[in-house]
Amino acid sequence: MWGMTLPPGFTSRAPRPGELGAVNALVREHEEADEGEAESTIDDLRGYWERARFDLKKDARVVVAPGRRLAGYVDVWDRTPGEQFVADGYVRPDMGGHGVGTFLVRTAEARAREKASRVSGATISHTIFHENEAATRLLIAEGYTPVQHFWRMVVEFGSPPGEPAAPQGITMRPFVRGQDDRAVWQLVTEAFSDNADYRPRPFEEWAGFMTNRESFDPSLFFIADASSEIAGVALCPKYEDSGWVRQLAVRGTWRRRGVGRALMQTVFAEYYRRGYKKVGLVMDSFNRSGAREFYLSLGMHVERQHDRYEKPLL
């Protein structure tokens, strides 16, 4: 159950659909205080609320402070049904010290326990900014341990990036909706299957996350076409402030042949042409394929780190 103790005057309830903007503003305030810049968009949050297996009335909670200001927000999603739960919690910066963070962590765990299958191995996790010492102390006190790291890799353009050089037999082209959807999904599923943390998504769930979004721009979904098959893809959303690579995937038979490098060079060139001065992506510590060294070789660097803390439910 979601009921936990809050300070006098604070209340908790499910978010209302019309509060999408208000909740996103809270998330952005948290990000700005935590990391120096805010990245969450309304489109991102809407995508989370529209995920498969997510019920806004049951799987999310806001904390309301005296004066009706939103003080905190948390949601819980079963990434693997009944077994692997992911929680995201945020506290308004000026509301720290009231126990809101503890409430969010404990109520997220309570909701996950309600939904967890009675099998060994069910877990819940939170991912936090590496330098957030208060959040780190809270999670450790609640029985969580660090299990994974995420690195935000970025490149800033001080001058035009080099021209893309596609390998022999490869042609770079944009995504064609209605033609490439399932082929790209199949490629991504195959290419990510050797990542220890990857969980395959049904096509409809992948499309909801990637293409059925306001940030979807087919001209920023780059395909390395090998005529008889798709060799690789770089799938990028359209954000206002900076470039972003959401998924980079290369088919196994085309790896170590320059496809990934050509895709990233194409991404850099297109974002630079559009006036963007920075491109970023996230990679995780479970990736053993030499990806970090690959991105470093492209001139990218680690801008910041996030850590995933996990706790067994049973």
Protein backbone atom coordinates (compact mmCIF):
# COMPACT_ATOMS: atom_id res chain seq x y z
CA MET A 1 0.00 0.00 0.00
CA TRP A 2 1.10 3.58 -0.63
CA GLY A 3 0.24 4.99 2.81
CA MET A 4 3.34 6.27 4.63
CA THR A 5 3.92 8.98 7.21
CA LEU A 6 4.36 12.58 6.01
CA PRO A 7 5.00 15.76 8.00
CA PRO A 8 1.95 17.73 9.22
CA GLY A 9 0.31 19.64 6.39
CA PHE A 10 1.79 17.42 3.65
CA THR A 11 -0.47 15.06 1.72
CA SER A 12 -0.03 12.42 -0.97
CA ARG A 13 -2.16 11.39 -3.92
CA ALA A 14 -1.97 10.12 -7.49
CA PRO A 15 -0.94 12.69 -10.12
CA ARG A 16 -3.71 14.05 -12.31
CA PRO A 17 -3.37 13.88 -16.11
CA GLY A 18 -3.64 17.67 -16.26
CA GLU A 19 -0.60 18.01 -13.99
CA LEU A 20 1.85 16.77 -16.61
CA GLY A 21 3.42 20.21 -16.95
CA ALA A 22 3.54 20.84 -13.20
CA VAL A 23 5.18 17.48 -12.48
CA ASN A 24 7.69 18.01 -15.29
CA ALA A 25 8.53 21.44 -13.84
CA LEU A 26 9.25 19.78 -10.49
CA VAL A 27 11.48 17.20 -12.18
CA ARG A 28 13.36 19.97 -13.98
CA GLU A 29 13.89 21.90 -10.73
CA HIS A 30 15.33 18.75 -9.18
CA GLU A 31 17.62 18.18 -12.18
CA GLU A 32 18.79 21.79 -12.22
CA ALA A 33 19.71 21.70 -8.51
CA ASP A 34 21.29 18.26 -8.80
CA GLU A 35 23.25 18.48 -12.04
CA GLY A 36 23.37 22.12 -13.07
CA GLU A 37 21.00 21.74 -16.01
CA ALA A 38 17.49 20.44 -16.60
CA GLU A 39 16.76 17.99 -19.41
CA SER A 40 13.35 16.45 -18.78
CA THR A 41 10.69 17.42 -21.32
CA ILE A 42 6.93 17.11 -21.21
CA ASP A 43 7.21 14.66 -24.09
CA ASP A 44 9.59 12.50 -22.05
CA LEU A 45 7.28 12.45 -19.04
CA ARG A 46 4.23 11.79 -21.18
CA GLY A 47 6.07 8.83 -22.67
CA TYR A 48 6.69 7.43 -19.18
CA TRP A 49 3.03 7.86 -18.25
CA GLU A 50 1.99 6.05 -21.42
CA ARG A 51 4.30 3.06 -20.95
CA ALA A 52 2.92 -0.46 -21.12
CA ARG A 53 2.13 -1.87 -17.65
CA PHE A 54 1.93 1.62 -16.12
CA ASP A 55 -1.20 2.93 -14.44
CA LEU A 56 -0.92 6.59 -13.46
CA LYS A 57 -3.54 6.20 -10.74
CA LYS A 58 -1.73 3.30 -9.08
CA ASP A 59 1.94 3.50 -10.07
CA ALA A 60 2.75 7.16 -9.40
CA ARG A 61 2.46 9.50 -6.46
CA VAL A 62 2.88 13.22 -5.79
CA VAL A 63 3.49 14.83 -2.41
CA VAL A 64 1.63 18.11 -1.91
CA ALA A 65 3.05 20.64 0.56
CA PRO A 66 1.08 23.23 2.52
CA GLY A 67 -0.06 25.88 0.04
CA ARG A 68 -0.78 23.17 -2.59
CA ARG A 69 2.74 23.20 -4.04
CA LEU A 70 4.06 19.91 -5.39
CA ALA A 71 6.93 18.86 -3.11
CA GLY A 72 7.81 15.49 -4.64
CA TYR A 73 7.00 12.89 -7.26
CA VAL A 74 7.74 9.19 -7.70
CA ASP A 75 6.68 6.49 -10.15
CA VAL A 76 7.29 2.75 -10.31
CA TRP A 77 7.40 0.67 -13.49
CA ASP A 78 7.81 -3.08 -13.83
CA ARG A 79 10.49 -3.22 -16.47
CA THR A 80 10.30 -7.02 -16.27
CA PRO A 81 6.72 -7.91 -15.27
CA GLY A 82 6.56 -8.95 -11.65
CA GLU A 83 10.33 -9.13 -11.21
CA GLN A 84 12.35 -6.02 -12.05
CA PHE A 85 10.93 -2.69 -10.88
CA VAL A 86 12.36 0.73 -11.71
CA ALA A 87 11.50 3.74 -9.54
CA ASP A 88 12.13 7.41 -10.35
CA GLY A 89 11.74 9.93 -7.54
CA TYR A 90 12.24 13.70 -7.37
CA VAL A 91 12.05 16.23 -4.53
CA ARG A 92 11.64 19.96 -5.05
CA PRO A 93 14.98 21.48 -3.95
CA ASP A 94 13.55 23.78 -1.29
CA MET A 95 11.54 20.92 0.23
CA GLY A 96 14.53 18.90 1.41
CA GLY A 97 14.71 17.95 5.07
CA HIS A 98 10.98 17.28 5.47
CA GLY A 99 11.16 13.53 4.94
CA VAL A 100 9.70 13.72 1.43
CA GLY A 101 12.56 11.71 -0.10
CA THR A 102 12.16 8.93 2.48
CA PHE A 103 8.42 8.86 1.80
CA LEU A 104 9.00 8.51 -1.93
CA VAL A 105 11.52 5.68 -1.57
CA ARG A 106 9.41 3.71 0.88
CA THR A 107 6.14 4.12 -0.97
CA ALA A 108 7.76 3.10 -4.25
CA GLU A 109 9.00 -0.06 -2.58
CA ALA A 110 5.55 -0.73 -1.11
CA ARG A 111 3.94 -0.43 -4.56
CA ALA A 112 6.56 -2.73 -6.10
CA ARG A 113 5.89 -5.33 -3.41
CA GLU A 114 2.19 -5.22 -4.27
CA LYS A 115 2.97 -6.01 -7.90
CA ALA A 116 5.90 -8.40 -7.43
CA SER A 117 5.52 -12.05 -8.35
CA ARG A 118 6.19 -14.46 -5.53
CA VAL A 119 9.47 -15.54 -7.04
CA SER A 120 13.01 -15.25 -5.82
CA GLY A 121 14.97 -12.45 -7.43
CA ALA A 122 12.39 -9.65 -7.63
CA THR A 123 14.11 -6.26 -7.20
CA ILE A 124 13.49 -2.53 -7.17
CA SER A 125 16.04 0.08 -8.22
CA HIS A 126 16.58 3.84 -8.22
CA THR A 127 19.10 5.68 -10.40
CA ILE A 128 20.60 8.85 -8.91
CA PHE A 129 23.21 11.47 -9.76
CA HIS A 130 26.61 10.27 -8.56
CA GLU A 131 27.32 13.45 -6.60
CA ASN A 132 23.98 13.55 -4.75
CA GLU A 133 25.28 12.57 -1.33
CA ALA A 134 21.91 12.91 0.44
CA ALA A 135 20.21 10.53 -1.99
CA THR A 136 23.11 8.10 -1.69
CA ARG A 137 22.87 8.07 2.11
CA LEU A 138 19.10 7.59 1.96
CA LEU A 139 19.21 4.62 -0.38
CA ILE A 140 22.00 2.90 1.55
CA ALA A 141 20.06 3.43 4.80
CA GLU A 142 17.00 1.85 3.15
CA GLY A 143 18.96 -1.29 2.19
CA TYR A 144 19.98 -0.51 -1.38
CA THR A 145 23.39 -1.29 -2.88
CA PRO A 146 25.05 0.11 -6.04
CA VAL A 147 24.94 -2.33 -8.96
CA GLN A 148 25.47 -0.31 -12.14
CA HIS A 149 26.87 2.97 -13.42
CA PHE A 150 25.75 5.15 -16.32
CA TRP A 151 28.05 7.60 -18.07
CA ARG A 152 26.77 10.59 -19.99
CA MET A 153 29.14 10.97 -22.94
CA VAL A 154 29.16 14.29 -24.81
CA VAL A 155 31.01 16.09 -27.56
CA GLU A 156 31.05 19.86 -28.00
CA PHE A 157 31.72 21.33 -31.42
CA GLY A 158 34.34 24.06 -31.45
CA SER A 159 34.71 23.60 -35.19
CA PRO A 160 32.88 21.64 -37.89
CA PRO A 161 33.05 17.86 -37.34
CA GLY A 162 34.70 15.71 -39.97
CA GLU A 163 32.75 14.54 -42.98
CA PRO A 164 31.13 11.10 -42.59
CA ALA A 165 32.89 8.26 -44.39
CA ALA A 166 30.61 5.26 -44.94
CA PRO A 167 32.22 1.83 -45.40
CA GLN A 168 32.10 0.23 -48.82
CA GLY A 169 28.63 -1.14 -49.55
CA ILE A 170 26.89 1.14 -47.04
CA THR A 171 24.58 4.02 -47.88
CA MET A 172 23.33 6.41 -45.21
CA ARG A 173 19.66 7.33 -45.45
CA PRO A 174 16.84 8.59 -43.21
CA PHE A 175 14.19 6.38 -41.63
CA VAL A 176 11.00 5.85 -43.64
CA ARG A 177 7.97 5.43 -41.41
CA GLY A 178 5.75 2.54 -42.43
CA GLN A 179 8.65 0.88 -44.20
CA ASP A 180 11.48 0.62 -41.69
CA ASP A 181 9.67 0.41 -38.34
CA ARG A 182 9.76 -3.33 -37.70
CA ALA A 183 13.09 -3.91 -39.42
CA VAL A 184 14.75 -1.29 -37.20
CA TRP A 185 13.08 -2.71 -34.09
CA GLN A 186 14.32 -6.19 -34.99
CA LEU A 187 17.84 -4.89 -35.57
CA VAL A 188 17.90 -3.05 -32.23
CA THR A 189 16.61 -6.14 -30.43
CA GLU A 190 19.28 -8.34 -32.02
CA ALA A 191 22.13 -5.88 -31.56
CA PHE A 192 21.39 -5.21 -27.88
CA SER A 193 20.87 -8.88 -26.98
CA ASP A 194 24.48 -9.28 -25.81
CA ASN A 195 24.15 -6.46 -23.26
CA ALA A 196 23.70 -8.08 -19.84
CA ASP A 197 21.11 -5.49 -18.77
CA TYR A 198 19.03 -5.44 -21.94
CA ARG A 199 15.39 -6.54 -21.82
CA PRO A 200 13.74 -7.02 -25.25
CA ARG A 201 10.64 -4.90 -25.81
CA PRO A 202 7.64 -5.93 -27.90
CA PHE A 203 7.34 -3.85 -31.05
CA GLU A 204 4.41 -1.80 -29.76
CA GLU A 205 6.32 -0.88 -26.58
CA TRP A 206 9.47 0.05 -28.53
CA ALA A 207 7.42 2.17 -30.96
CA GLY A 208 5.73 3.94 -28.05
CA PHE A 209 9.13 4.82 -26.65
CA MET A 210 10.84 5.71 -29.95
CA THR A 211 8.48 6.75 -32.75
CA ASN A 212 5.08 7.59 -31.23
CA ARG A 213 6.48 10.69 -29.56
CA GLU A 214 6.44 14.42 -30.23
CA SER A 215 10.24 14.31 -30.29
CA PHE A 216 10.26 11.79 -33.15
CA ASP A 217 11.81 13.18 -36.33
CA PRO A 218 12.42 10.59 -39.09
CA SER A 219 15.18 12.75 -40.56
CA LEU A 220 17.14 12.19 -37.31
CA PHE A 221 16.75 8.40 -37.48
CA PHE A 222 19.82 7.43 -39.52
CA ILE A 223 20.01 4.07 -41.26
CA ALA A 224 23.17 2.41 -42.57
CA ASP A 225 21.68 0.57 -45.54
CA ALA A 226 23.55 -2.42 -46.92
CA SER A 227 21.06 -2.90 -49.78
CA SER A 228 19.97 -6.40 -48.75
CA GLU A 229 19.69 -5.53 -45.05
CA ILE A 230 20.03 -2.76 -42.52
CA ALA A 231 23.57 -2.82 -41.12
CA GLY A 232 23.04 -0.32 -38.32
CA VAL A 233 21.03 2.61 -37.01
CA ALA A 234 21.50 5.79 -34.97
CA LEU A 235 18.14 6.91 -33.59
CA CYS A 236 18.00 10.49 -32.32
CA PRO A 237 15.10 12.51 -30.88
CA LYS A 238 14.53 16.14 -31.75
CA TYR A 239 15.26 18.27 -28.68
CA GLU A 240 15.51 22.03 -28.64
CA ASP A 241 18.77 22.61 -26.81
CA SER A 242 21.19 19.84 -27.76
CA GLY A 243 21.60 16.76 -29.88
CA TRP A 244 20.98 13.35 -28.39
CA VAL A 245 21.51 9.75 -29.50
CA ARG A 246 18.85 7.53 -27.97
CA GLN A 247 19.93 4.24 -29.61
CA LEU A 248 23.00 3.25 -31.62
CA ALA A 249 22.90 -0.33 -32.88
CA VAL A 250 25.00 -2.28 -35.39
CA ARG A 251 24.16 -5.74 -36.66
CA GLY A 252 26.61 -8.38 -35.42
CA THR A 253 27.87 -9.30 -38.89
CA TRP A 254 28.69 -5.63 -39.60
CA ARG A 255 30.58 -4.83 -36.41
CA ARG A 256 34.19 -3.67 -36.48
CA ARG A 257 33.77 -2.55 -40.08
CA GLY A 258 33.29 1.16 -39.45
CA VAL A 259 29.48 1.24 -39.49
CA GLY A 260 29.07 2.61 -35.98
CA ARG A 261 31.71 5.28 -36.56
CA ALA A 262 30.09 6.34 -39.82
CA LEU A 263 26.69 6.56 -38.14
CA MET A 264 28.03 8.73 -35.32
CA GLN A 265 29.89 10.95 -37.79
CA THR A 266 26.63 11.35 -39.70
CA VAL A 267 24.83 12.29 -36.47
CA PHE A 268 27.49 14.87 -35.58
CA ALA A 269 27.46 16.40 -39.07
CA GLU A 270 23.66 16.71 -39.18
CA TYR A 271 23.33 18.21 -35.71
CA TYR A 272 26.13 20.68 -36.48
CA ARG A 273 24.39 21.61 -39.74
CA ARG A 274 21.23 22.34 -37.72
CA GLY A 275 23.11 24.65 -35.39
CA TYR A 276 23.56 22.36 -32.38
CA LYS A 277 26.85 22.73 -30.51
CA LYS A 278 26.64 19.63 -28.35
CA VAL A 279 25.64 15.97 -28.76
CA GLY A 280 25.27 13.45 -25.96
CA LEU A 281 24.28 9.89 -25.15
CA VAL A 282 24.29 7.51 -22.19
CA MET A 283 26.11 4.21 -21.91
CA ASP A 284 26.20 1.83 -18.97
CA SER A 285 28.82 -0.20 -17.12
CA PHE A 286 27.21 -3.50 -18.18
CA ASN A 287 28.29 -2.86 -21.77
CA ARG A 288 31.42 -4.97 -22.29
CA SER A 289 31.87 -4.37 -26.02
CA GLY A 290 34.41 -1.55 -25.74
CA ALA A 291 31.74 1.10 -26.30
CA ARG A 292 33.28 3.59 -23.90
CA GLU A 293 36.62 3.50 -25.71
CA PHE A 294 34.76 3.80 -29.02
CA TYR A 295 32.98 6.99 -27.93
CA LEU A 296 36.18 8.43 -26.51
CA SER A 297 37.85 7.83 -29.87
CA LEU A 298 35.14 9.98 -31.47
CA GLY A 299 36.15 12.92 -29.31
CA MET A 300 33.43 12.43 -26.70
CA HIS A 301 34.11 12.62 -22.96
CA VAL A 302 32.36 11.66 -19.74
CA GLU A 303 30.37 14.67 -18.54
CA ARG A 304 28.74 13.06 -15.51
CA GLN A 305 27.80 9.78 -13.90
CA HIS A 306 24.62 8.25 -12.50
CA ASP A 307 24.46 5.17 -10.30
CA ARG A 308 21.75 2.54 -10.06
CA TYR A 309 20.99 1.26 -6.56
CA GLU A 310 19.06 -1.98 -6.17
CA LYS A 311 17.24 -3.79 -3.37
CA PRO A 312 15.72 -7.29 -3.27
CA LEU A 313 11.98 -7.39 -2.65
CA LEU A 314 11.71 -10.99 -1.45
